[in-house]
Amino acid sequence: MFYKSFSVTGEANKTVMDSGLISTIEEPKIIKAVLIDVSAYQGNILEGWIETERILSIEDRVLNTSHIIAVDHCAVSTTKIVRIPIDEAIKPGMIFKIGINCGAAPSNITGAYEYIRTV
């Protein structure tokens, strides 16, 4: 299992995407899951895409946040989503991207792609 971190700073009334996880002929990948944390609950939408196909759309209110209590050493939530299972092959030459679609009040996301190499 491999991990690649990401951080996306949301912008009001925009969708902002991470640079993504790239699958190549030399190193094809399967995205197993996304580990996620949001900065605030604003009713924004977390989106996951493989090229032009959206495979994930989740409102931020169901995701984990470690920012509400303003403590760096807080416990991980037991009632909010921390790990989103995906288990999708990314064809060589394609990119899996995660992003945040914000309304008037932006929020940020941080986390990691959990993936395996298939070669």
PDB file of N, CA and C in Angstrom:
ATOM      1  N   MET A   1       0.847  -1.170   0.000  1.00  0.00           N
ATOM      2  CA  MET A   1       0.000   0.000   0.000  1.00  0.00           C
ATOM      3  C   MET A   1       0.894   1.235   0.000  1.00  0.00           C
ATOM      4  N   PHE A   2       0.502   2.227  -0.788  1.00  0.00           N
ATOM      5  CA  PHE A   2       1.246   3.478  -0.878  1.00  0.00           C
ATOM      6  C   PHE A   2       0.306   4.641  -0.577  1.00  0.00           C
ATOM      7  N   TYR A   3       0.891   5.779  -0.193  1.00  0.00           N
ATOM      8  CA  TYR A   3       0.108   6.963   0.142  1.00  0.00           C
ATOM      9  C   TYR A   3       0.744   8.189  -0.497  1.00  0.00           C
ATOM     10  N   LYS A   4      -0.092   9.084  -0.987  1.00  0.00           N
ATOM     11  CA  LYS A   4       0.367  10.376  -1.509  1.00  0.00           C
ATOM     12  C   LYS A   4      -0.519  11.440  -0.878  1.00  0.00           C
ATOM     13  N   SER A   5       0.097  12.387  -0.179  1.00  0.00           N
ATOM     14  CA  SER A   5      -0.677  13.418   0.506  1.00  0.00           C
ATOM     15  C   SER A   5      -1.189  14.474  -0.469  1.00  0.00           C
ATOM     16  N   PHE A   6      -2.249  15.157  -0.056  1.00  0.00           N
ATOM     17  CA  PHE A   6      -2.776  16.280  -0.824  1.00  0.00           C
ATOM     18  C   PHE A   6      -3.311  17.336   0.133  1.00  0.00           C
ATOM     19  N   SER A   7      -3.403  18.541  -0.374  1.00  0.00           N
ATOM     20  CA  SER A   7      -3.982  19.658   0.360  1.00  0.00           C
ATOM     21  C   SER A   7      -4.617  20.592  -0.669  1.00  0.00           C
ATOM     22  N   VAL A   8      -5.874  20.924  -0.451  1.00  0.00           N
ATOM     23  CA  VAL A   8      -6.594  21.785  -1.384  1.00  0.00           C
ATOM     24  C   VAL A   8      -7.189  22.943  -0.596  1.00  0.00           C
ATOM     25  N   THR A   9      -6.875  24.162  -1.012  1.00  0.00           N
ATOM     26  CA  THR A   9      -7.438  25.365  -0.407  1.00  0.00           C
ATOM     27  C   THR A   9      -8.649  25.784  -1.211  1.00  0.00           C
ATOM     28  N   GLY A  10      -9.821  25.715  -0.596  1.00  0.00           N
ATOM     29  CA  GLY A  10     -11.056  26.059  -1.285  1.00  0.00           C
ATOM     30  C   GLY A  10     -11.164  27.546  -1.571  1.00  0.00           C
ATOM     31  N   GLU A  11     -11.918  27.869  -2.614  1.00  0.00           N
ATOM     32  CA  GLU A  11     -12.199  29.259  -2.987  1.00  0.00           C
ATOM     33  C   GLU A  11     -13.704  29.422  -3.139  1.00  0.00           C
ATOM     34  N   ALA A  12     -14.224  30.571  -2.719  1.00  0.00           N
ATOM     35  CA  ALA A  12     -15.658  30.827  -2.782  1.00  0.00           C
ATOM     36  C   ALA A  12     -16.182  30.683  -4.202  1.00  0.00           C
ATOM     37  N   ASN A  13     -17.279  29.955  -4.326  1.00  0.00           N
ATOM     38  CA  ASN A  13     -18.006  29.771  -5.592  1.00  0.00           C
ATOM     39  C   ASN A  13     -17.165  29.139  -6.706  1.00  0.00           C
ATOM     40  N   LYS A  14     -16.250  28.252  -6.331  1.00  0.00           N
ATOM     41  CA  LYS A  14     -15.397  27.571  -7.307  1.00  0.00           C
ATOM     42  C   LYS A  14     -15.166  26.128  -6.884  1.00  0.00           C
ATOM     43  N   THR A  15     -14.778  25.307  -7.858  1.00  0.00           N
ATOM     44  CA  THR A  15     -14.287  23.967  -7.573  1.00  0.00           C
ATOM     45  C   THR A  15     -12.781  23.989  -7.766  1.00  0.00           C
ATOM     46  N   VAL A  16     -12.049  23.613  -6.731  1.00  0.00           N
ATOM     47  CA  VAL A  16     -10.583  23.596  -6.784  1.00  0.00           C
ATOM     48  C   VAL A  16     -10.135  22.149  -6.606  1.00  0.00           C
ATOM     49  N   MET A  17      -9.283  21.687  -7.535  1.00  0.00           N
ATOM     50  CA  MET A  17      -8.825  20.297  -7.525  1.00  0.00           C
ATOM     51  C   MET A  17      -7.338  20.209  -7.165  1.00  0.00           C
ATOM     52  N   ASP A  18      -6.962  19.072  -6.608  1.00  0.00           N
ATOM     53  CA  ASP A  18      -5.561  18.749  -6.372  1.00  0.00           C
ATOM     54  C   ASP A  18      -4.932  18.335  -7.703  1.00  0.00           C
ATOM     55  N   SER A  19      -3.606  18.269  -7.769  1.00  0.00           N
ATOM     56  CA  SER A  19      -2.932  17.841  -9.005  1.00  0.00           C
ATOM     57  C   SER A  19      -3.184  16.366  -9.304  1.00  0.00           C
ATOM     58  N   GLY A  20      -3.510  15.583  -8.298  1.00  0.00           N
ATOM     59  CA  GLY A  20      -3.978  14.228  -8.520  1.00  0.00           C
ATOM     60  C   GLY A  20      -2.942  13.127  -8.443  1.00  0.00           C
ATOM     61  N   LEU A  21      -3.444  11.918  -8.644  1.00  0.00           N
ATOM     62  CA  LEU A  21      -2.652  10.689  -8.646  1.00  0.00           C
ATOM     63  C   LEU A  21      -2.624  10.170 -10.079  1.00  0.00           C
ATOM     64  N   ILE A  22      -1.435  10.129 -10.678  1.00  0.00           N
ATOM     65  CA  ILE A  22      -1.285   9.789 -12.094  1.00  0.00           C
ATOM     66  C   ILE A  22      -0.912   8.322 -12.262  1.00  0.00           C
ATOM     67  N   SER A  23      -1.623   7.649 -13.140  1.00  0.00           N
ATOM     68  CA  SER A  23      -1.315   6.266 -13.496  1.00  0.00           C
ATOM     69  C   SER A  23      -0.570   6.277 -14.823  1.00  0.00           C
ATOM     70  N   THR A  24       0.520   5.536 -14.908  1.00  0.00           N
ATOM     71  CA  THR A  24       1.317   5.491 -16.136  1.00  0.00           C
ATOM     72  C   THR A  24       1.437   4.049 -16.620  1.00  0.00           C
ATOM     73  N   ILE A  25       1.920   3.877 -17.840  1.00  0.00           N
ATOM     74  CA  ILE A  25       2.144   2.539 -18.379  1.00  0.00           C
ATOM     75  C   ILE A  25       3.183   1.810 -17.530  1.00  0.00           C
ATOM     76  N   GLU A  26       4.232   2.543 -17.126  1.00  0.00           N
ATOM     77  CA  GLU A  26       5.297   1.958 -16.309  1.00  0.00           C
ATOM     78  C   GLU A  26       4.837   1.661 -14.889  1.00  0.00           C
ATOM     79  N   GLU A  27       3.868   2.440 -14.398  1.00  0.00           N
ATOM     80  CA  GLU A  27       3.411   2.298 -13.021  1.00  0.00           C
ATOM     81  C   GLU A  27       1.903   2.506 -12.929  1.00  0.00           C
ATOM     82  N   PRO A  28       1.110   1.515 -13.395  1.00  0.00           N
ATOM     83  CA  PRO A  28      -0.347   1.640 -13.283  1.00  0.00           C
ATOM     84  C   PRO A  28      -0.776   1.568 -11.816  1.00  0.00           C
ATOM     85  N   LYS A  29      -1.883   2.238 -11.505  1.00  0.00           N
ATOM     86  CA  LYS A  29      -2.317   2.328 -10.114  1.00  0.00           C
ATOM     87  C   LYS A  29      -3.794   1.980  -9.952  1.00  0.00           C
ATOM     88  N   ILE A  30      -4.120   1.529  -8.755  1.00  0.00           N
ATOM     89  CA  ILE A  30      -5.502   1.357  -8.328  1.00  0.00           C
ATOM     90  C   ILE A  30      -5.684   2.235  -7.097  1.00  0.00           C
ATOM     91  N   ILE A  31      -6.637   3.156  -7.163  1.00  0.00           N
ATOM     92  CA  ILE A  31      -6.933   3.994  -6.001  1.00  0.00           C
ATOM     93  C   ILE A  31      -7.820   3.173  -5.065  1.00  0.00           C
ATOM     94  N   LYS A  32      -7.311   2.899  -3.878  1.00  0.00           N
ATOM     95  CA  LYS A  32      -8.040   2.075  -2.915  1.00  0.00           C
ATOM     96  C   LYS A  32      -8.982   2.920  -2.059  1.00  0.00           C
ATOM     97  N   ALA A  33      -8.503   4.113  -1.642  1.00  0.00           N
ATOM     98  CA  ALA A  33      -9.305   4.951  -0.752  1.00  0.00           C
ATOM     99  C   ALA A  33      -8.723   6.352  -0.694  1.00  0.00           C
ATOM    100  N   VAL A  34      -9.497   7.249  -0.108  1.00  0.00           N
ATOM    101  CA  VAL A  34      -9.041   8.602   0.174  1.00  0.00           C
ATOM    102  C   VAL A  34      -9.183   8.816   1.673  1.00  0.00           C
ATOM    103  N   LEU A  35      -8.104   9.249   2.303  1.00  0.00           N
ATOM    104  CA  LEU A  35      -8.132   9.645   3.713  1.00  0.00           C
ATOM    105  C   LEU A  35      -8.377  11.147   3.710  1.00  0.00           C
ATOM    106  N   ILE A  36      -9.332  11.623   4.497  1.00  0.00           N
ATOM    107  CA  ILE A  36      -9.792  13.004   4.329  1.00  0.00           C
ATOM    108  C   ILE A  36     -10.056  13.710   5.649  1.00  0.00           C
ATOM    109  N   ASP A  37      -9.798  15.014   5.654  1.00  0.00           N
ATOM    110  CA  ASP A  37     -10.114  15.899   6.771  1.00  0.00           C
ATOM    111  C   ASP A  37     -10.500  17.249   6.174  1.00  0.00           C
ATOM    112  N   VAL A  38     -11.594  17.846   6.642  1.00  0.00           N
ATOM    113  CA  VAL A  38     -12.022  19.163   6.155  1.00  0.00           C
ATOM    114  C   VAL A  38     -11.782  20.211   7.227  1.00  0.00           C
ATOM    115  N   SER A  39     -11.606  21.451   6.802  1.00  0.00           N
ATOM    116  CA  SER A  39     -11.301  22.520   7.749  1.00  0.00           C
ATOM    117  C   SER A  39     -12.531  23.045   8.469  1.00  0.00           C
ATOM    118  N   ALA A  40     -13.707  22.913   7.851  1.00  0.00           N
ATOM    119  CA  ALA A  40     -14.940  23.438   8.454  1.00  0.00           C
ATOM    120  C   ALA A  40     -16.139  22.820   7.749  1.00  0.00           C
ATOM    121  N   TYR A  41     -17.253  22.842   8.424  1.00  0.00           N
ATOM    122  CA  TYR A  41     -18.499  22.365   7.825  1.00  0.00           C
ATOM    123  C   TYR A  41     -19.248  23.560   7.244  1.00  0.00           C
ATOM    124  N   GLN A  42     -19.222  23.669   5.904  1.00  0.00           N
ATOM    125  CA  GLN A  42     -19.844  24.798   5.219  1.00  0.00           C
ATOM    126  C   GLN A  42     -20.892  24.354   4.201  1.00  0.00           C
ATOM    127  N   GLY A  43     -21.182  23.068   4.134  1.00  0.00           N
ATOM    128  CA  GLY A  43     -22.112  22.574   3.127  1.00  0.00           C
ATOM    129  C   GLY A  43     -21.483  22.469   1.746  1.00  0.00           C
ATOM    130  N   ASN A  44     -20.151  22.428   1.696  1.00  0.00           N
ATOM    131  CA  ASN A  44     -19.432  22.294   0.429  1.00  0.00           C
ATOM    132  C   ASN A  44     -19.356  20.817   0.045  1.00  0.00           C
ATOM    133  N   ILE A  45     -19.012  20.550  -1.205  1.00  0.00           N
ATOM    134  CA  ILE A  45     -19.034  19.191  -1.732  1.00  0.00           C
ATOM    135  C   ILE A  45     -17.621  18.709  -2.066  1.00  0.00           C
ATOM    136  N   LEU A  46     -17.244  17.579  -1.485  1.00  0.00           N
ATOM    137  CA  LEU A  46     -15.997  16.905  -1.831  1.00  0.00           C
ATOM    138  C   LEU A  46     -16.255  16.136  -3.120  1.00  0.00           C
ATOM    139  N   GLU A  47     -15.379  16.295  -4.113  1.00  0.00           N
ATOM    140  CA  GLU A  47     -15.540  15.614  -5.391  1.00  0.00           C
ATOM    141  C   GLU A  47     -14.304  14.798  -5.723  1.00  0.00           C
ATOM    142  N   GLY A  48     -14.511  13.618  -6.327  1.00  0.00           N
ATOM    143  CA  GLY A  48     -13.426  12.784  -6.818  1.00  0.00           C
ATOM    144  C   GLY A  48     -13.672  12.470  -8.288  1.00  0.00           C
ATOM    145  N   TRP A  49     -12.653  12.617  -9.104  1.00  0.00           N
ATOM    146  CA  TRP A  49     -12.781  12.447 -10.551  1.00  0.00           C
ATOM    147  C   TRP A  49     -11.673  11.565 -11.103  1.00  0.00           C
ATOM    148  N   ILE A  50     -12.026  10.708 -12.066  1.00  0.00           N
ATOM    149  CA  ILE A  50     -11.037  10.060 -12.924  1.00  0.00           C
ATOM    150  C   ILE A  50     -11.266  10.694 -14.286  1.00  0.00           C
ATOM    151  N   GLU A  51     -10.341  11.590 -14.629  1.00  0.00           N
ATOM    152  CA  GLU A  51     -10.457  12.398 -15.852  1.00  0.00           C
ATOM    153  C   GLU A  51     -11.785  13.147 -15.855  1.00  0.00           C
ATOM    154  N   THR A  52     -12.729  12.818 -16.750  1.00  0.00           N
ATOM    155  CA  THR A  52     -13.986  13.567 -16.844  1.00  0.00           C
ATOM    156  C   THR A  52     -15.163  12.858 -16.179  1.00  0.00           C
ATOM    157  N   GLU A  53     -14.886  11.749 -15.470  1.00  0.00           N
ATOM    158  CA  GLU A  53     -15.956  11.010 -14.806  1.00  0.00           C
ATOM    159  C   GLU A  53     -15.910  11.235 -13.294  1.00  0.00           C
ATOM    160  N   ARG A  54     -16.977  11.858 -12.774  1.00  0.00           N
ATOM    161  CA  ARG A  54     -17.045  12.059 -11.325  1.00  0.00           C
ATOM    162  C   ARG A  54     -17.448  10.736 -10.685  1.00  0.00           C
ATOM    163  N   ILE A  55     -16.631  10.248  -9.759  1.00  0.00           N
ATOM    164  CA  ILE A  55     -16.946   8.985  -9.089  1.00  0.00           C
ATOM    165  C   ILE A  55     -17.223   9.182  -7.599  1.00  0.00           C
ATOM    166  N   LEU A  56     -17.147  10.444  -7.152  1.00  0.00           N
ATOM    167  CA  LEU A  56     -17.331  10.728  -5.730  1.00  0.00           C
ATOM    168  C   LEU A  56     -17.927  12.124  -5.567  1.00  0.00           C
ATOM    169  N   SER A  57     -18.950  12.225  -4.748  1.00  0.00           N
ATOM    170  CA  SER A  57     -19.567  13.514  -4.436  1.00  0.00           C
ATOM    171  C   SER A  57     -20.190  13.395  -3.047  1.00  0.00           C
ATOM    172  N   ILE A  58     -19.553  14.035  -2.053  1.00  0.00           N
ATOM    173  CA  ILE A  58     -19.988  13.905  -0.659  1.00  0.00           C
ATOM    174  C   ILE A  58     -19.983  15.283   0.000  1.00  0.00           C
ATOM    175  N   GLU A  59     -21.055  15.606   0.713  1.00  0.00           N
ATOM    176  CA  GLU A  59     -21.113  16.878   1.440  1.00  0.00           C
ATOM    177  C   GLU A  59     -20.127  16.854   2.607  1.00  0.00           C
ATOM    178  N   ASP A  60     -19.489  18.012   2.851  1.00  0.00           N
ATOM    179  CA  ASP A  60     -18.444  18.075   3.880  1.00  0.00           C
ATOM    180  C   ASP A  60     -18.942  17.791   5.294  1.00  0.00           C
ATOM    181  N   ARG A  61     -20.213  17.955   5.560  1.00  0.00           N
ATOM    182  CA  ARG A  61     -20.739  17.763   6.924  1.00  0.00           C
ATOM    183  C   ARG A  61     -20.626  16.317   7.424  1.00  0.00           C
ATOM    184  N   VAL A  62     -20.445  15.356   6.519  1.00  0.00           N
ATOM    185  CA  VAL A  62     -20.322  13.958   6.954  1.00  0.00           C
ATOM    186  C   VAL A  62     -18.854  13.526   7.084  1.00  0.00           C
ATOM    187  N   LEU A  63     -17.932  14.434   6.777  1.00  0.00           N
ATOM    188  CA  LEU A  63     -16.505  14.121   6.824  1.00  0.00           C
ATOM    189  C   LEU A  63     -15.891  14.542   8.154  1.00  0.00           C
ATOM    190  N   ASN A  64     -14.761  13.963   8.474  1.00  0.00           N
ATOM    191  CA  ASN A  64     -14.039  14.296   9.699  1.00  0.00           C
ATOM    192  C   ASN A  64     -13.430  15.695   9.605  1.00  0.00           C
ATOM    193  N   THR A  65     -13.404  16.391  10.731  1.00  0.00           N
ATOM    194  CA  THR A  65     -12.646  17.633  10.829  1.00  0.00           C
ATOM    195  C   THR A  65     -11.897  17.653  12.148  1.00  0.00           C
ATOM    196  N   SER A  66     -10.640  18.068  12.091  1.00  0.00           N
ATOM    197  CA  SER A  66      -9.861  18.211  13.323  1.00  0.00           C
ATOM    198  C   SER A  66      -9.717  19.683  13.681  1.00  0.00           C
ATOM    199  N   HIS A  67     -10.393  20.545  12.940  1.00  0.00           N
ATOM    200  CA  HIS A  67     -10.225  21.983  13.134  1.00  0.00           C
ATOM    201  C   HIS A  67     -11.267  22.601  14.060  1.00  0.00           C
ATOM    202  N   ILE A  68     -12.361  21.914  14.302  1.00  0.00           N
ATOM    203  CA  ILE A  68     -13.438  22.500  15.102  1.00  0.00           C
ATOM    204  C   ILE A  68     -13.009  22.798  16.526  1.00  0.00           C
ATOM    205  N   ILE A  69     -12.264  21.891  17.143  1.00  0.00           N
ATOM    206  CA  ILE A  69     -11.880  22.123  18.536  1.00  0.00           C
ATOM    207  C   ILE A  69     -10.541  22.845  18.663  1.00  0.00           C
ATOM    208  N   ALA A  70      -9.931  23.165  17.519  1.00  0.00           N
ATOM    209  CA  ALA A  70      -8.703  23.969  17.484  1.00  0.00           C
ATOM    210  C   ALA A  70      -7.569  23.361  18.295  1.00  0.00           C
ATOM    211  N   VAL A  71      -7.450  22.051  18.250  1.00  0.00           N
ATOM    212  CA  VAL A  71      -6.380  21.355  18.949  1.00  0.00           C
ATOM    213  C   VAL A  71      -5.692  20.430  17.949  1.00  0.00           C
ATOM    214  N   ASP A  72      -4.376  20.505  17.885  1.00  0.00           N
ATOM    215  CA  ASP A  72      -3.644  19.672  16.935  1.00  0.00           C
ATOM    216  C   ASP A  72      -3.657  18.192  17.285  1.00  0.00           C
ATOM    217  N   HIS A  73      -3.908  17.862  18.528  1.00  0.00           N
ATOM    218  CA  HIS A  73      -3.817  16.467  18.960  1.00  0.00           C
ATOM    219  C   HIS A  73      -5.194  15.885  19.288  1.00  0.00           C
ATOM    220  N   CYS A  74      -6.207  16.280  18.540  1.00  0.00           N
ATOM    221  CA  CYS A  74      -7.545  15.776  18.829  1.00  0.00           C
ATOM    222  C   CYS A  74      -7.707  14.350  18.319  1.00  0.00           C
ATOM    223  N   ALA A  75      -8.679  13.667  18.846  1.00  0.00           N
ATOM    224  CA  ALA A  75      -8.966  12.293  18.436  1.00  0.00           C
ATOM    225  C   ALA A  75      -9.686  12.280  17.097  1.00  0.00           C
ATOM    226  N   VAL A  76      -9.511  11.217  16.349  1.00  0.00           N
ATOM    227  CA  VAL A  76     -10.232  11.040  15.090  1.00  0.00           C
ATOM    228  C   VAL A  76     -11.680  10.705  15.416  1.00  0.00           C
ATOM    229  N   SER A  77     -12.583  11.282  14.677  1.00  0.00           N
ATOM    230  CA  SER A  77     -14.004  11.070  14.895  1.00  0.00           C
ATOM    231  C   SER A  77     -14.383   9.604  14.729  1.00  0.00           C
ATOM    232  N   THR A  78     -15.347   9.170  15.515  1.00  0.00           N
ATOM    233  CA  THR A  78     -15.895   7.824  15.355  1.00  0.00           C
ATOM    234  C   THR A  78     -17.252   7.865  14.664  1.00  0.00           C
ATOM    235  N   THR A  79     -17.751   9.059  14.375  1.00  0.00           N
ATOM    236  CA  THR A  79     -19.059   9.193  13.734  1.00  0.00           C
ATOM    237  C   THR A  79     -18.991   9.873  12.374  1.00  0.00           C
ATOM    238  N   LYS A  80     -17.855  10.389  11.989  1.00  0.00           N
ATOM    239  CA  LYS A  80     -17.686  11.059  10.703  1.00  0.00           C
ATOM    240  C   LYS A  80     -16.754  10.246   9.811  1.00  0.00           C
ATOM    241  N   ILE A  81     -16.841  10.462   8.515  1.00  0.00           N
ATOM    242  CA  ILE A  81     -16.025   9.709   7.562  1.00  0.00           C
ATOM    243  C   ILE A  81     -14.582  10.204   7.581  1.00  0.00           C
ATOM    244  N   VAL A  82     -13.655   9.285   7.762  1.00  0.00           N
ATOM    245  CA  VAL A  82     -12.224   9.569   7.757  1.00  0.00           C
ATOM    246  C   VAL A  82     -11.576   8.928   6.520  1.00  0.00           C
ATOM    247  N   ARG A  83     -12.076   7.756   6.139  1.00  0.00           N
ATOM    248  CA  ARG A  83     -11.538   7.005   5.000  1.00  0.00           C
ATOM    249  C   ARG A  83     -12.681   6.674   4.054  1.00  0.00           C
ATOM    250  N   ILE A  84     -12.552   7.092   2.795  1.00  0.00           N
ATOM    251  CA  ILE A  84     -13.575   6.833   1.786  1.00  0.00           C
ATOM    252  C   ILE A  84     -13.061   5.730   0.861  1.00  0.00           C
ATOM    253  N   PRO A  85     -13.635   4.524   0.921  1.00  0.00           N
ATOM    254  CA  PRO A  85     -13.205   3.444   0.028  1.00  0.00           C
ATOM    255  C   PRO A  85     -13.589   3.757  -1.419  1.00  0.00           C
ATOM    256  N   ILE A  86     -12.682   3.483  -2.355  1.00  0.00           N
ATOM    257  CA  ILE A  86     -12.962   3.733  -3.777  1.00  0.00           C
ATOM    258  C   ILE A  86     -12.718   2.476  -4.598  1.00  0.00           C
ATOM    259  N   ASP A  87     -11.534   1.900  -4.519  1.00  0.00           N
ATOM    260  CA  ASP A  87     -11.184   0.652  -5.202  1.00  0.00           C
ATOM    261  C   ASP A  87     -11.482   0.694  -6.705  1.00  0.00           C
ATOM    262  N   GLU A  88     -10.879   1.655  -7.394  1.00  0.00           N
ATOM    263  CA  GLU A  88     -11.039   1.821  -8.848  1.00  0.00           C
ATOM    264  C   GLU A  88      -9.674   1.809  -9.525  1.00  0.00           C
ATOM    265  N   ALA A  89      -9.568   1.069 -10.607  1.00  0.00           N
ATOM    266  CA  ALA A  89      -8.338   1.086 -11.410  1.00  0.00           C
ATOM    267  C   ALA A  89      -8.277   2.405 -12.164  1.00  0.00           C
ATOM    268  N   ILE A  90      -7.101   2.986 -12.189  1.00  0.00           N
ATOM    269  CA  ILE A  90      -6.865   4.197 -12.984  1.00  0.00           C
ATOM    270  C   ILE A  90      -6.105   3.752 -14.221  1.00  0.00           C
ATOM    271  N   LYS A  91      -6.710   3.883 -15.379  1.00  0.00           N
ATOM    272  CA  LYS A  91      -6.060   3.447 -16.616  1.00  0.00           C
ATOM    273  C   LYS A  91      -4.795   4.266 -16.859  1.00  0.00           C
ATOM    274  N   PRO A  92      -3.767   3.660 -17.447  1.00  0.00           N
ATOM    275  CA  PRO A  92      -2.540   4.396 -17.746  1.00  0.00           C
ATOM    276  C   PRO A  92      -2.840   5.663 -18.555  1.00  0.00           C
ATOM    277  N   GLY A  93      -2.198   6.745 -18.141  1.00  0.00           N
ATOM    278  CA  GLY A  93      -2.403   8.034 -18.786  1.00  0.00           C
ATOM    279  C   GLY A  93      -3.517   8.855 -18.160  1.00  0.00           C
ATOM    280  N   MET A  94      -4.250   8.270 -17.218  1.00  0.00           N
ATOM    281  CA  MET A  94      -5.351   8.981 -16.577  1.00  0.00           C
ATOM    282  C   MET A  94      -4.962   9.419 -15.163  1.00  0.00           C
ATOM    283  N   ILE A  95      -5.734  10.361 -14.633  1.00  0.00           N
ATOM    284  CA  ILE A  95      -5.452  10.950 -13.325  1.00  0.00           C
ATOM    285  C   ILE A  95      -6.702  10.876 -12.452  1.00  0.00           C
ATOM    286  N   PHE A  96      -6.525  10.456 -11.199  1.00  0.00           N
ATOM    287  CA  PHE A  96      -7.588  10.569 -10.202  1.00  0.00           C
ATOM    288  C   PHE A  96      -7.316  11.843  -9.423  1.00  0.00           C
ATOM    289  N   LYS A  97      -8.333  12.716  -9.338  1.00  0.00           N
ATOM    290  CA  LYS A  97      -8.189  13.981  -8.613  1.00  0.00           C
ATOM    291  C   LYS A  97      -9.267  14.111  -7.559  1.00  0.00           C
ATOM    292  N   ILE A  98      -8.902  14.758  -6.468  1.00  0.00           N
ATOM    293  CA  ILE A  98      -9.850  15.087  -5.410  1.00  0.00           C
ATOM    294  C   ILE A  98      -9.929  16.599  -5.325  1.00  0.00           C
ATOM    295  N   GLY A  99     -11.097  17.112  -4.999  1.00  0.00           N
ATOM    296  CA  GLY A  99     -11.244  18.563  -4.906  1.00  0.00           C
ATOM    297  C   GLY A  99     -12.427  18.944  -4.046  1.00  0.00           C
ATOM    298  N   ILE A 100     -12.584  20.239  -3.856  1.00  0.00           N
ATOM    299  CA  ILE A 100     -13.678  20.774  -3.053  1.00  0.00           C
ATOM    300  C   ILE A 100     -14.443  21.798  -3.876  1.00  0.00           C
ATOM    301  N   ASN A 101     -15.756  21.578  -3.972  1.00  0.00           N
ATOM    302  CA  ASN A 101     -16.654  22.486  -4.683  1.00  0.00           C
ATOM    303  C   ASN A 101     -17.309  23.363  -3.620  1.00  0.00           C
ATOM    304  N   CYS A 102     -16.884  24.628  -3.547  1.00  0.00           N
ATOM    305  CA  CYS A 102     -17.322  25.522  -2.482  1.00  0.00           C
ATOM    306  C   CYS A 102     -18.424  26.472  -2.945  1.00  0.00           C
ATOM    307  N   GLY A 103     -19.309  26.773  -2.016  1.00  0.00           N
ATOM    308  CA  GLY A 103     -20.291  27.826  -2.211  1.00  0.00           C
ATOM    309  C   GLY A 103     -19.676  29.136  -1.742  1.00  0.00           C
ATOM    310  N   ALA A 104     -20.484  29.995  -1.128  1.00  0.00           N
ATOM    311  CA  ALA A 104     -20.014  31.313  -0.695  1.00  0.00           C
ATOM    312  C   ALA A 104     -18.995  31.241   0.444  1.00  0.00           C
ATOM    313  N   ALA A 105     -19.057  30.175   1.259  1.00  0.00           N
ATOM    314  CA  ALA A 105     -18.130  30.030   2.388  1.00  0.00           C
ATOM    315  C   ALA A 105     -17.166  28.881   2.089  1.00  0.00           C
ATOM    316  N   PRO A 106     -15.918  29.190   1.753  1.00  0.00           N
ATOM    317  CA  PRO A 106     -14.971  28.131   1.383  1.00  0.00           C
ATOM    318  C   PRO A 106     -14.488  27.316   2.582  1.00  0.00           C
ATOM    319  N   SER A 107     -14.046  26.101   2.294  1.00  0.00           N
ATOM    320  CA  SER A 107     -13.372  25.255   3.276  1.00  0.00           C
ATOM    321  C   SER A 107     -12.226  24.550   2.561  1.00  0.00           C
ATOM    322  N   ASN A 108     -11.319  24.009   3.322  1.00  0.00           N
ATOM    323  CA  ASN A 108     -10.131  23.345   2.781  1.00  0.00           C
ATOM    324  C   ASN A 108     -10.187  21.857   3.081  1.00  0.00           C
ATOM    325  N   ILE A 109      -9.448  21.081   2.287  1.00  0.00           N
ATOM    326  CA  ILE A 109      -9.342  19.652   2.567  1.00  0.00           C
ATOM    327  C   ILE A 109      -7.868  19.252   2.585  1.00  0.00           C
ATOM    328  N   THR A 110      -7.563  18.317   3.444  1.00  0.00           N
ATOM    329  CA  THR A 110      -6.236  17.708   3.486  1.00  0.00           C
ATOM    330  C   THR A 110      -6.428  16.213   3.638  1.00  0.00           C
ATOM    331  N   GLY A 111      -5.441  15.466   3.195  1.00  0.00           N
ATOM    332  CA  GLY A 111      -5.555  14.023   3.326  1.00  0.00           C
ATOM    333  C   GLY A 111      -4.509  13.307   2.505  1.00  0.00           C
ATOM    334  N   ALA A 112      -4.861  12.088   2.097  1.00  0.00           N
ATOM    335  CA  ALA A 112      -3.927  11.277   1.322  1.00  0.00           C
ATOM    336  C   ALA A 112      -4.693  10.323   0.413  1.00  0.00           C
ATOM    337  N   TYR A 113      -4.080  10.056  -0.735  1.00  0.00           N
ATOM    338  CA  TYR A 113      -4.562   8.997  -1.618  1.00  0.00           C
ATOM    339  C   TYR A 113      -3.949   7.695  -1.126  1.00  0.00           C
ATOM    340  N   GLU A 114      -4.750   6.672  -0.956  1.00  0.00           N
ATOM    341  CA  GLU A 114      -4.261   5.344  -0.613  1.00  0.00           C
ATOM    342  C   GLU A 114      -4.358   4.515  -1.896  1.00  0.00           C
ATOM    343  N   TYR A 115      -3.233   3.975  -2.353  1.00  0.00           N
ATOM    344  CA  TYR A 115      -3.243   3.283  -3.645  1.00  0.00           C
ATOM    345  C   TYR A 115      -2.261   2.124  -3.665  1.00  0.00           C
ATOM    346  N   ILE A 116      -2.416   1.280  -4.683  1.00  0.00           N
ATOM    347  CA  ILE A 116      -1.456   0.207  -4.924  1.00  0.00           C
ATOM    348  C   ILE A 116      -0.947   0.324  -6.348  1.00  0.00           C
ATOM    349  N   ARG A 117       0.254  -0.159  -6.551  1.00  0.00           N
ATOM    350  CA  ARG A 117       0.826  -0.256  -7.892  1.00  0.00           C
ATOM    351  C   ARG A 117       0.513  -1.659  -8.398  1.00  0.00           C
ATOM    352  N   THR A 118       0.116  -1.772  -9.657  1.00  0.00           N
ATOM    353  CA  THR A 118      -0.287  -3.074 -10.162  1.00  0.00           C
ATOM    354  C   THR A 118       0.807  -3.784 -10.933  1.00  0.00           C
ATOM    355  N   VAL A 119       2.000  -3.219 -10.963  1.00  0.00           N
ATOM    356  CA  VAL A 119       3.138  -3.881 -11.634  1.00  0.00           C
ATOM    357  C   VAL A 119       4.137  -4.294 -10.585  1.00  0.00           C
TER     358      VAL A 119
END
